[in-house]
PDB file of all heavy atoms in Angstrom:
ATOM      1  N   ALA A   1       2.545 -13.119   1.585  1.00  0.00           N
ATOM      2  CA  ALA A   1       3.687 -13.062   0.779  1.00  0.00           C
ATOM      3  C   ALA A   1       4.676 -11.935   1.267  1.00  0.00           C
ATOM      4  O   ALA A   1       5.884 -12.142   1.342  1.00  0.00           O
ATOM      5  CB  ALA A   1       3.344 -12.797  -0.671  1.00  0.00           C
ATOM      6  N   THR A   2       4.118 -10.796   1.599  1.00  0.00           N
ATOM      7  CA  THR A   2       4.950  -9.697   2.048  1.00  0.00           C
ATOM      8  C   THR A   2       5.609  -9.998   3.409  1.00  0.00           C
ATOM      9  O   THR A   2       6.788  -9.706   3.599  1.00  0.00           O
ATOM     10  CB  THR A   2       4.199  -8.310   2.098  1.00  0.00           C
ATOM     11  OG1 THR A   2       3.155  -8.401   3.094  1.00  0.00           O
ATOM     12  CG2 THR A   2       3.695  -7.920   0.784  1.00  0.00           C
ATOM     13  N   LEU A   3       4.857 -10.649   4.224  1.00  0.00           N
ATOM     14  CA  LEU A   3       5.361 -10.961   5.591  1.00  0.00           C
ATOM     15  C   LEU A   3       6.505 -12.023   5.469  1.00  0.00           C
ATOM     16  O   LEU A   3       7.564 -11.935   6.054  1.00  0.00           O
ATOM     17  CB  LEU A   3       4.273 -11.435   6.469  1.00  0.00           C
ATOM     18  CG  LEU A   3       3.357 -10.407   7.015  1.00  0.00           C
ATOM     19  CD1 LEU A   3       2.136 -11.025   7.638  1.00  0.00           C
ATOM     20  CD2 LEU A   3       3.985  -9.479   7.922  1.00  0.00           C
ATOM     21  N   ARG A   4       6.224 -13.035   4.689  1.00  0.00           N
ATOM     22  CA  ARG A   4       7.242 -14.157   4.461  1.00  0.00           C
ATOM     23  C   ARG A   4       8.423 -13.608   3.858  1.00  0.00           C
ATOM     24  O   ARG A   4       9.584 -14.079   4.240  1.00  0.00           O
ATOM     25  CB  ARG A   4       6.635 -15.304   3.707  1.00  0.00           C
ATOM     26  CG  ARG A   4       5.642 -16.123   4.439  1.00  0.00           C
ATOM     27  CD  ARG A   4       5.445 -17.425   3.884  1.00  0.00           C
ATOM     28  NE  ARG A   4       4.637 -17.406   2.665  1.00  0.00           N
ATOM     29  CZ  ARG A   4       4.150 -18.501   2.050  1.00  0.00           C
ATOM     30  NH1 ARG A   4       4.313 -19.641   2.619  1.00  0.00           N
ATOM     31  NH2 ARG A   4       3.424 -18.311   0.960  1.00  0.00           N
ATOM     32  N   ALA A   5       8.338 -12.676   2.959  1.00  0.00           N
ATOM     33  CA  ALA A   5       9.512 -12.180   2.218  1.00  0.00           C
ATOM     34  C   ALA A   5      10.218 -11.042   3.038  1.00  0.00           C
ATOM     35  O   ALA A   5      11.295 -10.576   2.683  1.00  0.00           O
ATOM     36  CB  ALA A   5       9.128 -11.610   0.863  1.00  0.00           C
ATOM     37  N   GLY A   6       9.580 -10.567   4.142  1.00  0.00           N
ATOM     38  CA  GLY A   6      10.144  -9.529   4.943  1.00  0.00           C
ATOM     39  C   GLY A   6      10.164  -8.167   4.158  1.00  0.00           C
ATOM     40  O   GLY A   6      11.048  -7.358   4.308  1.00  0.00           O
ATOM     41  N   LEU A   7       9.120  -8.009   3.231  1.00  0.00           N
ATOM     42  CA  LEU A   7       9.050  -6.746   2.481  1.00  0.00           C
ATOM     43  C   LEU A   7       8.019  -5.789   3.107  1.00  0.00           C
ATOM     44  O   LEU A   7       6.840  -6.110   3.147  1.00  0.00           O
ATOM     45  CB  LEU A   7       8.547  -7.057   1.048  1.00  0.00           C
ATOM     46  CG  LEU A   7       9.596  -7.804   0.138  1.00  0.00           C
ATOM     47  CD1 LEU A   7       8.951  -8.236  -1.148  1.00  0.00           C
ATOM     48  CD2 LEU A   7      10.726  -6.945  -0.153  1.00  0.00           C
ATOM     49  N   PRO A   8       8.475  -4.743   3.639  1.00  0.00           N
ATOM     50  CA  PRO A   8       7.531  -3.675   4.122  1.00  0.00           C
ATOM     51  C   PRO A   8       6.671  -3.193   2.979  1.00  0.00           C
ATOM     52  O   PRO A   8       7.161  -2.990   1.870  1.00  0.00           O
ATOM     53  CB  PRO A   8       8.428  -2.594   4.721  1.00  0.00           C
ATOM     54  CG  PRO A   8       9.765  -3.167   4.848  1.00  0.00           C
ATOM     55  CD  PRO A   8       9.847  -4.288   3.848  1.00  0.00           C
ATOM     56  N   ILE A   9       5.435  -2.835   3.254  1.00  0.00           N
ATOM     57  CA  ILE A   9       4.579  -2.215   2.247  1.00  0.00           C
ATOM     58  C   ILE A   9       4.735  -0.752   2.245  1.00  0.00           C
ATOM     59  O   ILE A   9       4.458  -0.070   3.197  1.00  0.00           O
ATOM     60  CB  ILE A   9       3.101  -2.693   2.508  1.00  0.00           C
ATOM     61  CG1 ILE A   9       2.923  -4.202   2.441  1.00  0.00           C
ATOM     62  CG2 ILE A   9       2.216  -1.980   1.458  1.00  0.00           C
ATOM     63  CD1 ILE A   9       1.562  -4.669   2.908  1.00  0.00           C
ATOM     64  N   ALA A  10       5.292  -0.212   1.154  1.00  0.00           N
ATOM     65  CA  ALA A  10       5.519   1.163   1.083  1.00  0.00           C
ATOM     66  C   ALA A  10       4.345   1.969   0.521  1.00  0.00           C
ATOM     67  O   ALA A  10       4.000   3.103   1.009  1.00  0.00           O
ATOM     68  CB  ALA A  10       6.726   1.413   0.145  1.00  0.00           C
ATOM     69  N   HIS A  11       3.635   1.413  -0.424  1.00  0.00           N
ATOM     70  CA  HIS A  11       2.486   2.086  -1.052  1.00  0.00           C
ATOM     71  C   HIS A  11       1.389   1.131  -1.286  1.00  0.00           C
ATOM     72  O   HIS A  11       1.536  -0.084  -1.492  1.00  0.00           O
ATOM     73  CB  HIS A  11       2.856   2.794  -2.289  1.00  0.00           C
ATOM     74  CG  HIS A  11       3.777   3.909  -2.145  1.00  0.00           C
ATOM     75  ND1 HIS A  11       5.114   3.841  -1.989  1.00  0.00           N
ATOM     76  CD2 HIS A  11       3.502   5.258  -2.067  1.00  0.00           C
ATOM     77  CE1 HIS A  11       5.607   5.034  -1.825  1.00  0.00           C
ATOM     78  NE2 HIS A  11       4.649   5.904  -1.828  1.00  0.00           N
ATOM     79  N   LEU A  12       0.141   1.651  -1.394  1.00  0.00           N
ATOM     80  CA  LEU A  12      -1.028   0.883  -1.742  1.00  0.00           C
ATOM     81  C   LEU A  12      -1.724   1.564  -2.863  1.00  0.00           C
ATOM     82  O   LEU A  12      -1.769   2.749  -3.015  1.00  0.00           O
ATOM     83  CB  LEU A  12      -1.992   0.892  -0.513  1.00  0.00           C
ATOM     84  CG  LEU A  12      -1.520   0.365   0.849  1.00  0.00           C
ATOM     85  CD1 LEU A  12      -2.456   0.676   1.905  1.00  0.00           C
ATOM     86  CD2 LEU A  12      -1.240  -1.151   0.744  1.00  0.00           C
ATOM     87  N   CYS A  13      -2.266   0.693  -3.781  1.00  0.00           N
ATOM     88  CA  CYS A  13      -3.014   1.234  -4.877  1.00  0.00           C
ATOM     89  C   CYS A  13      -4.378   0.525  -4.902  1.00  0.00           C
ATOM     90  O   CYS A  13      -4.466  -0.714  -5.026  1.00  0.00           O
ATOM     91  CB  CYS A  13      -2.235   1.036  -6.202  1.00  0.00           C
ATOM     92  SG  CYS A  13      -3.031   2.044  -7.530  1.00  0.00           S
ATOM     93  N   ASP A  14      -5.453   1.347  -4.844  1.00  0.00           N
ATOM     94  CA  ASP A  14      -6.819   0.766  -4.760  1.00  0.00           C
ATOM     95  C   ASP A  14      -7.710   1.316  -5.869  1.00  0.00           C
ATOM     96  O   ASP A  14      -8.890   1.390  -5.689  1.00  0.00           O
ATOM     97  CB  ASP A  14      -7.388   0.989  -3.396  1.00  0.00           C
ATOM     98  CG  ASP A  14      -7.577   2.464  -3.090  1.00  0.00           C
ATOM     99  OD1 ASP A  14      -7.055   3.321  -3.855  1.00  0.00           O
ATOM    100  OD2 ASP A  14      -8.188   2.772  -2.042  1.00  0.00           O
ATOM    101  N   GLY A  15      -7.168   1.529  -7.018  1.00  0.00           N
ATOM    102  CA  GLY A  15      -8.008   1.907  -8.162  1.00  0.00           C
ATOM    103  C   GLY A  15      -7.125   2.098  -9.408  1.00  0.00           C
ATOM    104  O   GLY A  15      -5.942   1.828  -9.452  1.00  0.00           O
ATOM    105  N   GLN A  16      -7.742   2.489 -10.477  1.00  0.00           N
ATOM    106  CA  GLN A  16      -7.165   2.656 -11.773  1.00  0.00           C
ATOM    107  C   GLN A  16      -6.534   3.992 -12.036  1.00  0.00           C
ATOM    108  O   GLN A  16      -5.745   4.212 -13.029  1.00  0.00           O
ATOM    109  CB  GLN A  16      -8.132   2.283 -12.838  1.00  0.00           C
ATOM    110  CG  GLN A  16      -8.797   0.956 -12.604  1.00  0.00           C
ATOM    111  CD  GLN A  16      -8.562  -0.061 -13.609  1.00  0.00           C
ATOM    112  OE1 GLN A  16      -8.109   0.298 -14.771  1.00  0.00           O
ATOM    113  NE2 GLN A  16      -8.756  -1.295 -13.302  1.00  0.00           N
ATOM    114  N   ARG A  17      -6.820   4.974 -11.218  1.00  0.00           N
ATOM    115  CA  ARG A  17      -6.342   6.286 -11.476  1.00  0.00           C
ATOM    116  C   ARG A  17      -5.052   6.538 -10.721  1.00  0.00           C
ATOM    117  O   ARG A  17      -5.017   6.765  -9.515  1.00  0.00           O
ATOM    118  CB  ARG A  17      -7.382   7.330 -10.952  1.00  0.00           C
ATOM    119  CG  ARG A  17      -8.708   7.254 -11.689  1.00  0.00           C
ATOM    120  CD  ARG A  17      -9.766   8.126 -11.076  1.00  0.00           C
ATOM    121  NE  ARG A  17      -9.805   7.884  -9.603  1.00  0.00           N
ATOM    122  CZ  ARG A  17      -9.959   8.872  -8.664  1.00  0.00           C
ATOM    123  NH1 ARG A  17     -10.081  10.100  -8.984  1.00  0.00           N
ATOM    124  NH2 ARG A  17     -10.035   8.506  -7.382  1.00  0.00           N
ATOM    125  N   VAL A  18      -3.974   6.501 -11.402  1.00  0.00           N
ATOM    126  CA  VAL A  18      -2.673   6.788 -10.849  1.00  0.00           C
ATOM    127  C   VAL A  18      -2.257   8.166 -11.304  1.00  0.00           C
ATOM    128  O   VAL A  18      -2.357   8.445 -12.450  1.00  0.00           O
ATOM    129  CB  VAL A  18      -1.662   5.700 -11.269  1.00  0.00           C
ATOM    130  CG1 VAL A  18      -0.268   6.011 -10.708  1.00  0.00           C
ATOM    131  CG2 VAL A  18      -2.086   4.317 -10.815  1.00  0.00           C
ATOM    132  N   PRO A  19      -1.862   9.051 -10.400  1.00  0.00           N
ATOM    133  CA  PRO A  19      -1.422   8.790  -9.047  1.00  0.00           C
ATOM    134  C   PRO A  19      -2.554   9.012  -7.949  1.00  0.00           C
ATOM    135  O   PRO A  19      -2.223   8.793  -6.805  1.00  0.00           O
ATOM    136  CB  PRO A  19      -0.366   9.919  -8.861  1.00  0.00           C
ATOM    137  CG  PRO A  19      -0.886  11.015  -9.659  1.00  0.00           C
ATOM    138  CD  PRO A  19      -1.538  10.413 -10.871  1.00  0.00           C
ATOM    139  N   GLU A  20      -3.798   9.340  -8.341  1.00  0.00           N
ATOM    140  CA  GLU A  20      -4.828   9.608  -7.324  1.00  0.00           C
ATOM    141  C   GLU A  20      -5.077   8.432  -6.405  1.00  0.00           C
ATOM    142  O   GLU A  20      -5.451   8.583  -5.247  1.00  0.00           O
ATOM    143  CB  GLU A  20      -6.128  10.032  -8.013  1.00  0.00           C
ATOM    144  CG  GLU A  20      -6.050  11.340  -8.724  1.00  0.00           C
ATOM    145  CD  GLU A  20      -5.619  11.235 -10.189  1.00  0.00           C
ATOM    146  OE1 GLU A  20      -5.235  10.109 -10.615  1.00  0.00           O
ATOM    147  OE2 GLU A  20      -5.596  12.210 -10.914  1.00  0.00           O
ATOM    148  N   ASP A  21      -5.016   7.234  -6.943  1.00  0.00           N
ATOM    149  CA  ASP A  21      -5.311   5.989  -6.142  1.00  0.00           C
ATOM    150  C   ASP A  21      -4.035   5.317  -5.542  1.00  0.00           C
ATOM    151  O   ASP A  21      -4.188   4.198  -5.001  1.00  0.00           O
ATOM    152  CB  ASP A  21      -6.101   5.029  -7.004  1.00  0.00           C
ATOM    153  CG  ASP A  21      -7.418   5.556  -7.379  1.00  0.00           C
ATOM    154  OD1 ASP A  21      -8.004   6.268  -6.648  1.00  0.00           O
ATOM    155  OD2 ASP A  21      -7.944   5.141  -8.498  1.00  0.00           O
ATOM    156  N   LEU A  22      -2.897   5.966  -5.636  1.00  0.00           N
ATOM    157  CA  LEU A  22      -1.689   5.427  -5.076  1.00  0.00           C
ATOM    158  C   LEU A  22      -1.448   6.189  -3.763  1.00  0.00           C
ATOM    159  O   LEU A  22      -1.336   7.450  -3.792  1.00  0.00           O
ATOM    160  CB  LEU A  22      -0.531   5.582  -6.067  1.00  0.00           C
ATOM    161  CG  LEU A  22       0.861   5.080  -5.653  1.00  0.00           C
ATOM    162  CD1 LEU A  22       0.819   3.594  -5.558  1.00  0.00           C
ATOM    163  CD2 LEU A  22       1.887   5.472  -6.666  1.00  0.00           C
ATOM    164  N   HIS A  23      -1.339   5.420  -2.696  1.00  0.00           N
ATOM    165  CA  HIS A  23      -1.224   6.054  -1.333  1.00  0.00           C
ATOM    166  C   HIS A  23      -0.015   5.521  -0.570  1.00  0.00           C
ATOM    167  O   HIS A  23       0.224   4.349  -0.655  1.00  0.00           O
ATOM    168  CB  HIS A  23      -2.508   5.748  -0.531  1.00  0.00           C
ATOM    169  CG  HIS A  23      -3.772   6.004  -1.318  1.00  0.00           C
ATOM    170  ND1 HIS A  23      -4.273   7.235  -1.496  1.00  0.00           N
ATOM    171  CD2 HIS A  23      -4.562   5.086  -1.918  1.00  0.00           C
ATOM    172  CE1 HIS A  23      -5.411   7.079  -2.211  1.00  0.00           C
ATOM    173  NE2 HIS A  23      -5.633   5.826  -2.447  1.00  0.00           N
ATOM    174  N   PRO A  24       0.626   6.324   0.187  1.00  0.00           N
ATOM    175  CA  PRO A  24       1.640   5.862   1.145  1.00  0.00           C
ATOM    176  C   PRO A  24       0.945   4.839   2.078  1.00  0.00           C
ATOM    177  O   PRO A  24      -0.132   5.127   2.513  1.00  0.00           O
ATOM    178  CB  PRO A  24       2.181   7.122   1.825  1.00  0.00           C
ATOM    179  CG  PRO A  24       1.697   8.234   1.015  1.00  0.00           C
ATOM    180  CD  PRO A  24       0.481   7.787   0.253  1.00  0.00           C
ATOM    181  N   ALA A  25       1.638   3.768   2.392  1.00  0.00           N
ATOM    182  CA  ALA A  25       1.033   2.784   3.196  1.00  0.00           C
ATOM    183  C   ALA A  25       0.954   3.088   4.707  1.00  0.00           C
ATOM    184  O   ALA A  25       0.001   2.713   5.337  1.00  0.00           O
ATOM    185  CB  ALA A  25       1.749   1.422   3.068  1.00  0.00           C
ATOM    186  N   ALA A  26       1.946   3.751   5.228  1.00  0.00           N
ATOM    187  CA  ALA A  26       2.029   4.055   6.628  1.00  0.00           C
ATOM    188  C   ALA A  26       0.763   4.620   7.244  1.00  0.00           C
ATOM    189  O   ALA A  26       0.241   4.118   8.216  1.00  0.00           O
ATOM    190  CB  ALA A  26       3.310   4.909   6.946  1.00  0.00           C
ATOM    191  N   PRO A  27       0.207   5.721   6.656  1.00  0.00           N
ATOM    192  CA  PRO A  27      -1.019   6.283   7.272  1.00  0.00           C
ATOM    193  C   PRO A  27      -2.258   5.390   6.996  1.00  0.00           C
ATOM    194  O   PRO A  27      -3.314   5.693   7.562  1.00  0.00           O
ATOM    195  CB  PRO A  27      -1.143   7.679   6.648  1.00  0.00           C
ATOM    196  CG  PRO A  27      -0.274   7.635   5.436  1.00  0.00           C
ATOM    197  CD  PRO A  27       0.754   6.606   5.619  1.00  0.00           C
ATOM    198  N   ARG A  28      -2.155   4.408   6.167  1.00  0.00           N
ATOM    199  CA  ARG A  28      -3.337   3.648   5.826  1.00  0.00           C
ATOM    200  C   ARG A  28      -3.280   2.255   6.369  1.00  0.00           C
ATOM    201  O   ARG A  28      -4.041   1.324   5.940  1.00  0.00           O
ATOM    202  CB  ARG A  28      -3.457   3.607   4.267  1.00  0.00           C
ATOM    203  CG  ARG A  28      -3.839   4.959   3.764  1.00  0.00           C
ATOM    204  CD  ARG A  28      -3.986   4.975   2.289  1.00  0.00           C
ATOM    205  NE  ARG A  28      -5.100   4.122   1.798  1.00  0.00           N
ATOM    206  CZ  ARG A  28      -6.315   4.633   1.441  1.00  0.00           C
ATOM    207  NH1 ARG A  28      -6.494   5.857   1.456  1.00  0.00           N
ATOM    208  NH2 ARG A  28      -7.310   3.770   1.099  1.00  0.00           N
ATOM    209  N   LYS A  29      -2.399   1.952   7.321  1.00  0.00           N
ATOM    210  CA  LYS A  29      -2.276   0.601   7.881  1.00  0.00           C
ATOM    211  C   LYS A  29      -3.582   0.126   8.527  1.00  0.00           C
ATOM    212  O   LYS A  29      -4.007  -1.046   8.254  1.00  0.00           O
ATOM    213  CB  LYS A  29      -1.189   0.592   8.918  1.00  0.00           C
ATOM    214  CG  LYS A  29       0.147   0.592   8.357  1.00  0.00           C
ATOM    215  CD  LYS A  29       1.259   0.507   9.467  1.00  0.00           C
ATOM    216  CE  LYS A  29       2.662   0.675   8.920  1.00  0.00           C
ATOM    217  NZ  LYS A  29       3.624   0.650   9.925  1.00  0.00           N
ATOM    218  N   LEU A  30      -4.268   0.961   9.277  1.00  0.00           N
ATOM    219  CA  LEU A  30      -5.468   0.564   9.876  1.00  0.00           C
ATOM    220  C   LEU A  30      -6.567   0.271   8.800  1.00  0.00           C
ATOM    221  O   LEU A  30      -7.322  -0.686   8.898  1.00  0.00           O
ATOM    222  CB  LEU A  30      -5.983   1.649  10.843  1.00  0.00           C
ATOM    223  CG  LEU A  30      -7.199   1.287  11.665  1.00  0.00           C
ATOM    224  CD1 LEU A  30      -7.083   0.005  12.457  1.00  0.00           C
ATOM    225  CD2 LEU A  30      -7.549   2.406  12.589  1.00  0.00           C
ATOM    226  N   TRP A  31      -6.577   1.100   7.821  1.00  0.00           N
ATOM    227  CA  TRP A  31      -7.515   0.899   6.676  1.00  0.00           C
ATOM    228  C   TRP A  31      -7.260  -0.445   5.992  1.00  0.00           C
ATOM    229  O   TRP A  31      -8.174  -1.136   5.691  1.00  0.00           O
ATOM    230  CB  TRP A  31      -7.410   2.021   5.623  1.00  0.00           C
ATOM    231  CG  TRP A  31      -8.178   1.775   4.457  1.00  0.00           C
ATOM    232  CD1 TRP A  31      -9.464   2.115   4.142  1.00  0.00           C
ATOM    233  CD2 TRP A  31      -7.735   1.146   3.192  1.00  0.00           C
ATOM    234  NE1 TRP A  31      -9.861   1.828   2.912  1.00  0.00           N
ATOM    235  CE2 TRP A  31      -8.808   1.175   2.269  1.00  0.00           C
ATOM    236  CE3 TRP A  31      -6.492   0.607   2.781  1.00  0.00           C
ATOM    237  CZ2 TRP A  31      -8.706   0.635   1.006  1.00  0.00           C
ATOM    238  CZ3 TRP A  31      -6.444   0.060   1.464  1.00  0.00           C
ATOM    239  CH2 TRP A  31      -7.514   0.057   0.634  1.00  0.00           C
ATOM    240  N   LEU A  32      -5.994  -0.765   5.800  1.00  0.00           N
ATOM    241  CA  LEU A  32      -5.623  -2.112   5.140  1.00  0.00           C
ATOM    242  C   LEU A  32      -6.083  -3.217   6.002  1.00  0.00           C
ATOM    243  O   LEU A  32      -6.715  -4.235   5.470  1.00  0.00           O
ATOM    244  CB  LEU A  32      -4.147  -2.122   4.911  1.00  0.00           C
ATOM    245  CG  LEU A  32      -3.599  -3.421   4.208  1.00  0.00           C
ATOM    246  CD1 LEU A  32      -4.171  -3.404   2.748  1.00  0.00           C
ATOM    247  CD2 LEU A  32      -2.113  -3.341   4.126  1.00  0.00           C
TER     248      LEU A  32
END
């Protein structure tokens, strides 16, 4: 969906604790 829409992924969230589980996407590309 992000690729088709041409939307860069700015942030990733992988848990319920915000802001602790909200991460900038750029340094986590390989993780993703």
